[in-house]
PDB file of N, CA and C in Angstrom:
ATOM      1  N   UNK A   1      -4.066 -15.264  -9.682  1.00  0.00           N
ATOM      2  CA  UNK A   1      -3.763 -14.953  -8.296  1.00  0.00           C
ATOM      3  C   UNK A   1      -4.990 -14.354  -7.631  1.00  0.00           C
ATOM      4  N   UNK A   2      -5.221 -14.752  -6.412  1.00  0.00           N
ATOM      5  CA  UNK A   2      -6.243 -14.121  -5.592  1.00  0.00           C
ATOM      6  C   UNK A   2      -5.650 -12.872  -4.962  1.00  0.00           C
ATOM      7  N   UNK A   3      -6.493 -12.134  -4.289  1.00  0.00           N
ATOM      8  CA  UNK A   3      -6.040 -10.940  -3.584  1.00  0.00           C
ATOM      9  C   UNK A   3      -5.101 -11.334  -2.455  1.00  0.00           C
ATOM     10  N   UNK A   4      -4.016 -10.593  -2.314  1.00  0.00           N
ATOM     11  CA  UNK A   4      -3.063 -10.780  -1.232  1.00  0.00           C
ATOM     12  C   UNK A   4      -3.380  -9.745  -0.157  1.00  0.00           C
ATOM     13  N   UNK A   5      -3.582 -10.195   1.081  1.00  0.00           N
ATOM     14  CA  UNK A   5      -3.898  -9.309   2.204  1.00  0.00           C
ATOM     15  C   UNK A   5      -2.912  -9.540   3.337  1.00  0.00           C
ATOM     16  N   UNK A   6      -2.458  -8.457   3.959  1.00  0.00           N
ATOM     17  CA  UNK A   6      -1.684  -8.589   5.180  1.00  0.00           C
ATOM     18  C   UNK A   6      -1.644  -7.251   5.907  1.00  0.00           C
ATOM     19  N   UNK A   7      -1.213  -7.308   7.162  1.00  0.00           N
ATOM     20  CA  UNK A   7      -1.091  -6.116   8.000  1.00  0.00           C
ATOM     21  C   UNK A   7       0.383  -5.936   8.330  1.00  0.00           C
ATOM     22  N   UNK A   8       0.846  -4.702   8.250  1.00  0.00           N
ATOM     23  CA  UNK A   8       2.244  -4.405   8.557  1.00  0.00           C
ATOM     24  C   UNK A   8       2.340  -3.110   9.343  1.00  0.00           C
ATOM     25  N   UNK A   9       3.345  -3.026  10.176  1.00  0.00           N
ATOM     26  CA  UNK A   9       3.617  -1.788  10.906  1.00  0.00           C
ATOM     27  C   UNK A   9       4.542  -0.941  10.060  1.00  0.00           C
ATOM     28  N   UNK A  10       4.110   0.284   9.744  1.00  0.00           N
ATOM     29  CA  UNK A  10       4.896   1.187   8.906  1.00  0.00           C
ATOM     30  C   UNK A  10       5.826   2.057   9.746  1.00  0.00           C
ATOM     31  N   UNK A  11       5.298   2.590  10.810  1.00  0.00           N
ATOM     32  CA  UNK A  11       6.063   3.407  11.764  1.00  0.00           C
ATOM     33  C   UNK A  11       5.532   3.060  13.145  1.00  0.00           C
ATOM     34  N   UNK A  12       6.057   3.683  14.167  1.00  0.00           N
ATOM     35  CA  UNK A  12       5.711   3.289  15.534  1.00  0.00           C
ATOM     36  C   UNK A  12       4.202   3.201  15.769  1.00  0.00           C
ATOM     37  N   UNK A  13       3.448   4.233  15.458  1.00  0.00           N
ATOM     38  CA  UNK A  13       2.004   4.250  15.704  1.00  0.00           C
ATOM     39  C   UNK A  13       1.171   4.070  14.439  1.00  0.00           C
ATOM     40  N   UNK A  14       1.818   3.783  13.334  1.00  0.00           N
ATOM     41  CA  UNK A  14       1.134   3.691  12.049  1.00  0.00           C
ATOM     42  C   UNK A  14       1.201   2.268  11.503  1.00  0.00           C
ATOM     43  N   UNK A  15       0.035   1.675  11.324  1.00  0.00           N
ATOM     44  CA  UNK A  15      -0.071   0.336  10.745  1.00  0.00           C
ATOM     45  C   UNK A  15      -0.885   0.424   9.467  1.00  0.00           C
ATOM     46  N   UNK A  16      -0.741  -0.609   8.646  1.00  0.00           N
ATOM     47  CA  UNK A  16      -1.464  -0.617   7.377  1.00  0.00           C
ATOM     48  C   UNK A  16      -2.003  -2.007   7.074  1.00  0.00           C
ATOM     49  N   UNK A  17      -3.231  -2.030   6.598  1.00  0.00           N
ATOM     50  CA  UNK A  17      -3.779  -3.234   5.979  1.00  0.00           C
ATOM     51  C   UNK A  17      -3.507  -3.060   4.494  1.00  0.00           C
ATOM     52  N   UNK A  18      -2.724  -3.959   3.940  1.00  0.00           N
ATOM     53  CA  UNK A  18      -2.313  -3.856   2.546  1.00  0.00           C
ATOM     54  C   UNK A  18      -3.011  -4.944   1.747  1.00  0.00           C
ATOM     55  N   UNK A  19      -3.583  -4.527   0.644  1.00  0.00           N
ATOM     56  CA  UNK A  19      -4.304  -5.451  -0.232  1.00  0.00           C
ATOM     57  C   UNK A  19      -3.772  -5.262  -1.650  1.00  0.00           C
ATOM     58  N   UNK A  20      -3.305  -6.348  -2.233  1.00  0.00           N
ATOM     59  CA  UNK A  20      -2.818  -6.338  -3.608  1.00  0.00           C
ATOM     60  C   UNK A  20      -3.825  -7.080  -4.472  1.00  0.00           C
ATOM     61  N   UNK A  21      -4.428  -6.358  -5.401  1.00  0.00           N
ATOM     62  CA  UNK A  21      -5.453  -6.925  -6.282  1.00  0.00           C
ATOM     63  C   UNK A  21      -4.927  -6.993  -7.712  1.00  0.00           C
ATOM     64  N   UNK A  22      -5.059  -8.158  -8.358  1.00  0.00           N
ATOM     65  CA  UNK A  22      -4.701  -8.225  -9.775  1.00  0.00           C
ATOM     66  C   UNK A  22      -5.773  -7.535 -10.607  1.00  0.00           C
ATOM     67  N   UNK A  23      -5.383  -6.983 -11.729  1.00  0.00           N
ATOM     68  CA  UNK A  23      -6.336  -6.394 -12.667  1.00  0.00           C
ATOM     69  C   UNK A  23      -6.828  -7.530 -13.566  1.00  0.00           C
ATOM     70  N   UNK A  24      -8.099  -7.905 -13.460  1.00  0.00           N
ATOM     71  CA  UNK A  24      -8.596  -9.036 -14.242  1.00  0.00           C
ATOM     72  C   UNK A  24      -8.601  -8.769 -15.750  1.00  0.00           C
ATOM     73  N   UNK A  25      -8.545  -7.520 -16.132  1.00  0.00           N
ATOM     74  CA  UNK A  25      -8.579  -7.155 -17.542  1.00  0.00           C
ATOM     75  C   UNK A  25      -7.196  -7.196 -18.199  1.00  0.00           C
ATOM     76  N   UNK A  26      -6.149  -6.974 -17.393  1.00  0.00           N
ATOM     77  CA  UNK A  26      -4.809  -6.853 -17.967  1.00  0.00           C
ATOM     78  C   UNK A  26      -3.789  -7.578 -17.100  1.00  0.00           C
ATOM     79  N   UNK A  27      -2.985  -8.417 -17.736  1.00  0.00           N
ATOM     80  CA  UNK A  27      -1.878  -9.044 -17.017  1.00  0.00           C
ATOM     81  C   UNK A  27      -0.841  -7.979 -16.707  1.00  0.00           C
ATOM     82  N   UNK A  28      -0.092  -8.191 -15.663  1.00  0.00           N
ATOM     83  CA  UNK A  28       1.000  -7.317 -15.249  1.00  0.00           C
ATOM     84  C   UNK A  28       0.523  -5.952 -14.759  1.00  0.00           C
ATOM     85  N   UNK A  29      -0.747  -5.836 -14.384  1.00  0.00           N
ATOM     86  CA  UNK A  29      -1.271  -4.617 -13.766  1.00  0.00           C
ATOM     87  C   UNK A  29      -1.901  -4.991 -12.431  1.00  0.00           C
ATOM     88  N   UNK A  30      -1.625  -4.178 -11.434  1.00  0.00           N
ATOM     89  CA  UNK A  30      -2.055  -4.466 -10.064  1.00  0.00           C
ATOM     90  C   UNK A  30      -2.539  -3.185  -9.398  1.00  0.00           C
ATOM     91  N   UNK A  31      -3.439  -3.337  -8.433  1.00  0.00           N
ATOM     92  CA  UNK A  31      -3.865  -2.216  -7.605  1.00  0.00           C
ATOM     93  C   UNK A  31      -3.444  -2.530  -6.182  1.00  0.00           C
ATOM     94  N   UNK A  32      -2.646  -1.660  -5.608  1.00  0.00           N
ATOM     95  CA  UNK A  32      -2.161  -1.812  -4.241  1.00  0.00           C
ATOM     96  C   UNK A  32      -2.944  -0.844  -3.363  1.00  0.00           C
ATOM     97  N   UNK A  33      -3.848  -1.378  -2.555  1.00  0.00           N
ATOM     98  CA  UNK A  33      -4.675  -0.569  -1.656  1.00  0.00           C
ATOM     99  C   UNK A  33      -4.071  -0.608  -0.258  1.00  0.00           C
ATOM    100  N   UNK A  34      -4.011   0.554   0.370  1.00  0.00           N
ATOM    101  CA  UNK A  34      -3.460   0.647   1.718  1.00  0.00           C
ATOM    102  C   UNK A  34      -4.467   1.355   2.610  1.00  0.00           C
ATOM    103  N   UNK A  35      -4.966   0.631   3.607  1.00  0.00           N
ATOM    104  CA  UNK A  35      -5.839   1.226   4.612  1.00  0.00           C
ATOM    105  C   UNK A  35      -4.972   1.495   5.835  1.00  0.00           C
ATOM    106  N   UNK A  36      -4.933   2.745   6.262  1.00  0.00           N
ATOM    107  CA  UNK A  36      -4.036   3.181   7.326  1.00  0.00           C
ATOM    108  C   UNK A  36      -4.746   3.258   8.673  1.00  0.00           C
ATOM    109  N   UNK A  37      -3.999   2.907   9.723  1.00  0.00           N
ATOM    110  CA  UNK A  37      -4.492   2.986  11.090  1.00  0.00           C
ATOM    111  C   UNK A  37      -3.431   3.683  11.926  1.00  0.00           C
ATOM    112  N   UNK A  38      -3.816   4.759  12.607  1.00  0.00           N
ATOM    113  CA  UNK A  38      -2.902   5.485  13.473  1.00  0.00           C
ATOM    114  C   UNK A  38      -3.371   5.296  14.912  1.00  0.00           C
ATOM    115  N   UNK A  39      -2.516   4.756  15.748  1.00  0.00           N
ATOM    116  CA  UNK A  39      -2.831   4.429  17.137  1.00  0.00           C
ATOM    117  C   UNK A  39      -4.108   3.591  17.217  1.00  0.00           C
ATOM    118  N   UNK A  40      -4.262   2.671  16.278  1.00  0.00           N
ATOM    119  CA  UNK A  40      -5.391   1.746  16.285  1.00  0.00           C
ATOM    120  C   UNK A  40      -6.677   2.278  15.682  1.00  0.00           C
ATOM    121  N   UNK A  41      -6.691   3.533  15.247  1.00  0.00           N
ATOM    122  CA  UNK A  41      -7.896   4.143  14.677  1.00  0.00           C
ATOM    123  C   UNK A  41      -7.731   4.338  13.174  1.00  0.00           C
ATOM    124  N   UNK A  42      -8.803   4.114  12.404  1.00  0.00           N
ATOM    125  CA  UNK A  42      -8.711   4.323  10.950  1.00  0.00           C
ATOM    126  C   UNK A  42      -8.239   5.743  10.637  1.00  0.00           C
ATOM    127  N   UNK A  43      -7.282   5.841   9.726  1.00  0.00           N
ATOM    128  CA  UNK A  43      -6.707   7.145   9.381  1.00  0.00           C
ATOM    129  C   UNK A  43      -6.836   7.460   7.896  1.00  0.00           C
ATOM    130  N   UNK A  44      -7.407   6.558   7.133  1.00  0.00           N
ATOM    131  CA  UNK A  44      -7.607   6.828   5.717  1.00  0.00           C
ATOM    132  C   UNK A  44      -7.151   5.696   4.832  1.00  0.00           C
ATOM    133  N   UNK A  45      -7.344   5.926   3.551  1.00  0.00           N
ATOM    134  CA  UNK A  45      -6.969   4.948   2.532  1.00  0.00           C
ATOM    135  C   UNK A  45      -6.248   5.655   1.398  1.00  0.00           C
ATOM    136  N   UNK A  46      -5.348   4.924   0.797  1.00  0.00           N
ATOM    137  CA  UNK A  46      -4.695   5.395  -0.410  1.00  0.00           C
ATOM    138  C   UNK A  46      -4.422   4.179  -1.275  1.00  0.00           C
ATOM    139  N   UNK A  47      -4.118   4.403  -2.528  1.00  0.00           N
ATOM    140  CA  UNK A  47      -3.832   3.277  -3.409  1.00  0.00           C
ATOM    141  C   UNK A  47      -2.806   3.671  -4.457  1.00  0.00           C
ATOM    142  N   UNK A  48      -2.192   2.665  -5.014  1.00  0.00           N
ATOM    143  CA  UNK A  48      -1.185   2.833  -6.055  1.00  0.00           C
ATOM    144  C   UNK A  48      -1.500   1.845  -7.172  1.00  0.00           C
ATOM    145  N   UNK A  49      -1.351   2.277  -8.399  1.00  0.00           N
ATOM    146  CA  UNK A  49      -1.476   1.383  -9.550  1.00  0.00           C
ATOM    147  C   UNK A  49      -0.083   0.944  -9.950  1.00  0.00           C
ATOM    148  N   UNK A  50       0.098  -0.354 -10.060  1.00  0.00           N
ATOM    149  CA  UNK A  50       1.381  -0.916 -10.470  1.00  0.00           C
ATOM    150  C   UNK A  50       1.198  -1.490 -11.864  1.00  0.00           C
ATOM    151  N   UNK A  51       1.858  -0.913 -12.828  1.00  0.00           N
ATOM    152  CA  UNK A  51       1.737  -1.341 -14.221  1.00  0.00           C
ATOM    153  C   UNK A  51       3.036  -1.991 -14.680  1.00  0.00           C
ATOM    154  N   UNK A  52       2.913  -3.130 -15.340  1.00  0.00           N
ATOM    155  CA  UNK A  52       4.070  -3.784 -15.935  1.00  0.00           C
ATOM    156  C   UNK A  52       4.885  -4.633 -14.973  1.00  0.00           C
ATOM    157  N   UNK A  53       4.308  -5.034 -13.859  1.00  0.00           N
ATOM    158  CA  UNK A  53       5.022  -5.838 -12.871  1.00  0.00           C
ATOM    159  C   UNK A  53       4.557  -7.286 -12.930  1.00  0.00           C
ATOM    160  N   UNK A  54       5.482  -8.205 -12.741  1.00  0.00           N
ATOM    161  CA  UNK A  54       5.115  -9.615 -12.609  1.00  0.00           C
ATOM    162  C   UNK A  54       4.442  -9.800 -11.252  1.00  0.00           C
ATOM    163  N   UNK A  55       3.840 -10.953 -11.045  1.00  0.00           N
ATOM    164  CA  UNK A  55       3.209 -11.228  -9.763  1.00  0.00           C
ATOM    165  C   UNK A  55       4.232 -11.170  -8.633  1.00  0.00           C
ATOM    166  N   UNK A  56       5.391 -11.764  -8.834  1.00  0.00           N
ATOM    167  CA  UNK A  56       6.431 -11.767  -7.799  1.00  0.00           C
ATOM    168  C   UNK A  56       6.899 -10.346  -7.481  1.00  0.00           C
ATOM    169  N   UNK A  57       7.076  -9.523  -8.509  1.00  0.00           N
ATOM    170  CA  UNK A  57       7.502  -8.137  -8.296  1.00  0.00           C
ATOM    171  C   UNK A  57       6.436  -7.349  -7.547  1.00  0.00           C
ATOM    172  N   UNK A  58       5.170  -7.501  -7.926  1.00  0.00           N
ATOM    173  CA  UNK A  58       4.079  -6.786  -7.264  1.00  0.00           C
ATOM    174  C   UNK A  58       3.958  -7.219  -5.803  1.00  0.00           C
ATOM    175  N   UNK A  59       4.080  -8.523  -5.542  1.00  0.00           N
ATOM    176  CA  UNK A  59       4.015  -9.012  -4.168  1.00  0.00           C
ATOM    177  C   UNK A  59       5.175  -8.461  -3.342  1.00  0.00           C
ATOM    178  N   UNK A  60       6.362  -8.385  -3.929  1.00  0.00           N
ATOM    179  CA  UNK A  60       7.515  -7.836  -3.215  1.00  0.00           C
ATOM    180  C   UNK A  60       7.286  -6.372  -2.864  1.00  0.00           C
ATOM    181  N   UNK A  61       6.746  -5.598  -3.787  1.00  0.00           N
ATOM    182  CA  UNK A  61       6.442  -4.192  -3.504  1.00  0.00           C
ATOM    183  C   UNK A  61       5.432  -4.089  -2.366  1.00  0.00           C
ATOM    184  N   UNK A  62       4.397  -4.921  -2.407  1.00  0.00           N
ATOM    185  CA  UNK A  62       3.377  -4.895  -1.357  1.00  0.00           C
ATOM    186  C   UNK A  62       3.970  -5.252   0.007  1.00  0.00           C
ATOM    187  N   UNK A  63       4.855  -6.218   0.038  1.00  0.00           N
ATOM    188  CA  UNK A  63       5.441  -6.671   1.305  1.00  0.00           C
ATOM    189  C   UNK A  63       6.486  -5.694   1.858  1.00  0.00           C
ATOM    190  N   UNK A  64       7.008  -4.822   1.019  1.00  0.00           N
ATOM    191  CA  UNK A  64       8.090  -3.928   1.461  1.00  0.00           C
ATOM    192  C   UNK A  64       7.699  -2.454   1.382  1.00  0.00           C
ATOM    193  N   UNK A  65       6.418  -2.151   1.541  1.00  0.00           N
ATOM    194  CA  UNK A  65       5.957  -0.760   1.471  1.00  0.00           C
ATOM    195  C   UNK A  65       6.752   0.134   2.425  1.00  0.00           C
ATOM    196  N   UNK A  66       6.998  -0.337   3.641  1.00  0.00           N
ATOM    197  CA  UNK A  66       7.683   0.510   4.623  1.00  0.00           C
ATOM    198  C   UNK A  66       9.123   0.812   4.230  1.00  0.00           C
ATOM    199  N   UNK A  67       9.695   0.042   3.326  1.00  0.00           N
ATOM    200  CA  UNK A  67      11.056   0.290   2.858  1.00  0.00           C
ATOM    201  C   UNK A  67      11.087   1.053   1.544  1.00  0.00           C
ATOM    202  N   UNK A  68       9.921   1.367   0.998  1.00  0.00           N
ATOM    203  CA  UNK A  68       9.822   2.067  -0.276  1.00  0.00           C
ATOM    204  C   UNK A  68       9.681   3.562   0.006  1.00  0.00           C
ATOM    205  N   UNK A  69      10.735   4.315  -0.229  1.00  0.00           N
ATOM    206  CA  UNK A  69      10.748   5.743   0.119  1.00  0.00           C
ATOM    207  C   UNK A  69       9.662   6.526  -0.611  1.00  0.00           C
ATOM    208  N   UNK A  70       9.422   6.208  -1.867  1.00  0.00           N
ATOM    209  CA  UNK A  70       8.380   6.906  -2.631  1.00  0.00           C
ATOM    210  C   UNK A  70       7.008   6.687  -1.999  1.00  0.00           C
ATOM    211  N   UNK A  71       6.659   5.430  -1.722  1.00  0.00           N
ATOM    212  CA  UNK A  71       5.340   5.144  -1.144  1.00  0.00           C
ATOM    213  C   UNK A  71       5.195   5.744   0.249  1.00  0.00           C
ATOM    214  N   UNK A  72       6.237   5.669   1.062  1.00  0.00           N
ATOM    215  CA  UNK A  72       6.143   6.236   2.407  1.00  0.00           C
ATOM    216  C   UNK A  72       5.999   7.756   2.351  1.00  0.00           C
ATOM    217  N   UNK A  73       6.680   8.403   1.407  1.00  0.00           N
ATOM    218  CA  UNK A  73       6.521   9.856   1.247  1.00  0.00           C
ATOM    219  C   UNK A  73       5.082  10.181   0.829  1.00  0.00           C
ATOM    220  N   UNK A  74       4.534   9.393  -0.089  1.00  0.00           N
ATOM    221  CA  UNK A  74       3.144   9.609  -0.515  1.00  0.00           C
ATOM    222  C   UNK A  74       2.174   9.394   0.641  1.00  0.00           C
ATOM    223  N   UNK A  75       2.412   8.393   1.454  1.00  0.00           N
ATOM    224  CA  UNK A  75       1.562   8.132   2.619  1.00  0.00           C
ATOM    225  C   UNK A  75       1.668   9.284   3.614  1.00  0.00           C
ATOM    226  N   UNK A  76       2.883   9.752   3.878  1.00  0.00           N
ATOM    227  CA  UNK A  76       3.072  10.897   4.786  1.00  0.00           C
ATOM    228  C   UNK A  76       2.340  12.127   4.268  1.00  0.00           C
ATOM    229  N   UNK A  77       2.483  12.408   2.979  1.00  0.00           N
ATOM    230  CA  UNK A  77       1.789  13.563   2.408  1.00  0.00           C
ATOM    231  C   UNK A  77       0.281  13.394   2.484  1.00  0.00           C
ATOM    232  N   UNK A  78      -0.204  12.184   2.269  1.00  0.00           N
ATOM    233  CA  UNK A  78      -1.642  11.926   2.374  1.00  0.00           C
ATOM    234  C   UNK A  78      -2.127  12.188   3.805  1.00  0.00           C
ATOM    235  N   UNK A  79      -1.394  11.677   4.781  1.00  0.00           N
ATOM    236  CA  UNK A  79      -1.827  11.805   6.178  1.00  0.00           C
ATOM    237  C   UNK A  79      -1.628  13.200   6.752  1.00  0.00           C
ATOM    238  N   UNK A  80      -0.510  13.831   6.457  1.00  0.00           N
ATOM    239  CA  UNK A  80      -0.143  15.053   7.152  1.00  0.00           C
ATOM    240  C   UNK A  80      -0.104  16.280   6.245  1.00  0.00           C
ATOM    241  N   UNK A  81      -0.242  16.107   4.953  1.00  0.00           N
ATOM    242  CA  UNK A  81      -0.113  17.207   4.011  1.00  0.00           C
ATOM    243  C   UNK A  81      -1.066  18.354   4.251  1.00  0.00           C
ATOM    244  N   UNK A  82      -2.305  18.049   4.614  1.00  0.00           N
ATOM    245  CA  UNK A  82      -3.284  19.105   4.827  1.00  0.00           C
ATOM    246  C   UNK A  82      -3.134  19.786   6.183  1.00  0.00           C
ATOM    247  N   UNK A  83      -2.362  19.193   7.083  1.00  0.00           N
ATOM    248  CA  UNK A  83      -2.227  19.794   8.423  1.00  0.00           C
ATOM    249  C   UNK A  83      -1.091  20.791   8.495  1.00  0.00           C
ATOM    250  N   UNK A  84      -0.270  20.899   7.440  1.00  0.00           N
ATOM    251  CA  UNK A  84       0.860  21.858   7.459  1.00  0.00           C
ATOM    252  C   UNK A  84       0.397  23.283   7.344  1.00  0.00           C
TER     253      UNK A  84
END
């Protein structure tokens, strides 16, 4: 599989460029990179390692980040955690 890239709206003013990269060394391991944009301006990057997922499962996770409560909580903490 090549890298999967797409842009999705996570919340009203928050968009993400999502990139799913296969691990060339190990099958069933993926790196999910998320570049965040708030009101059109770069707001940071975060990533998740997905271990033990098939290609279809990893792609589904990448496509449904906004519906994944764990990932959205991690993104919120990344963006706003230091401002509390």
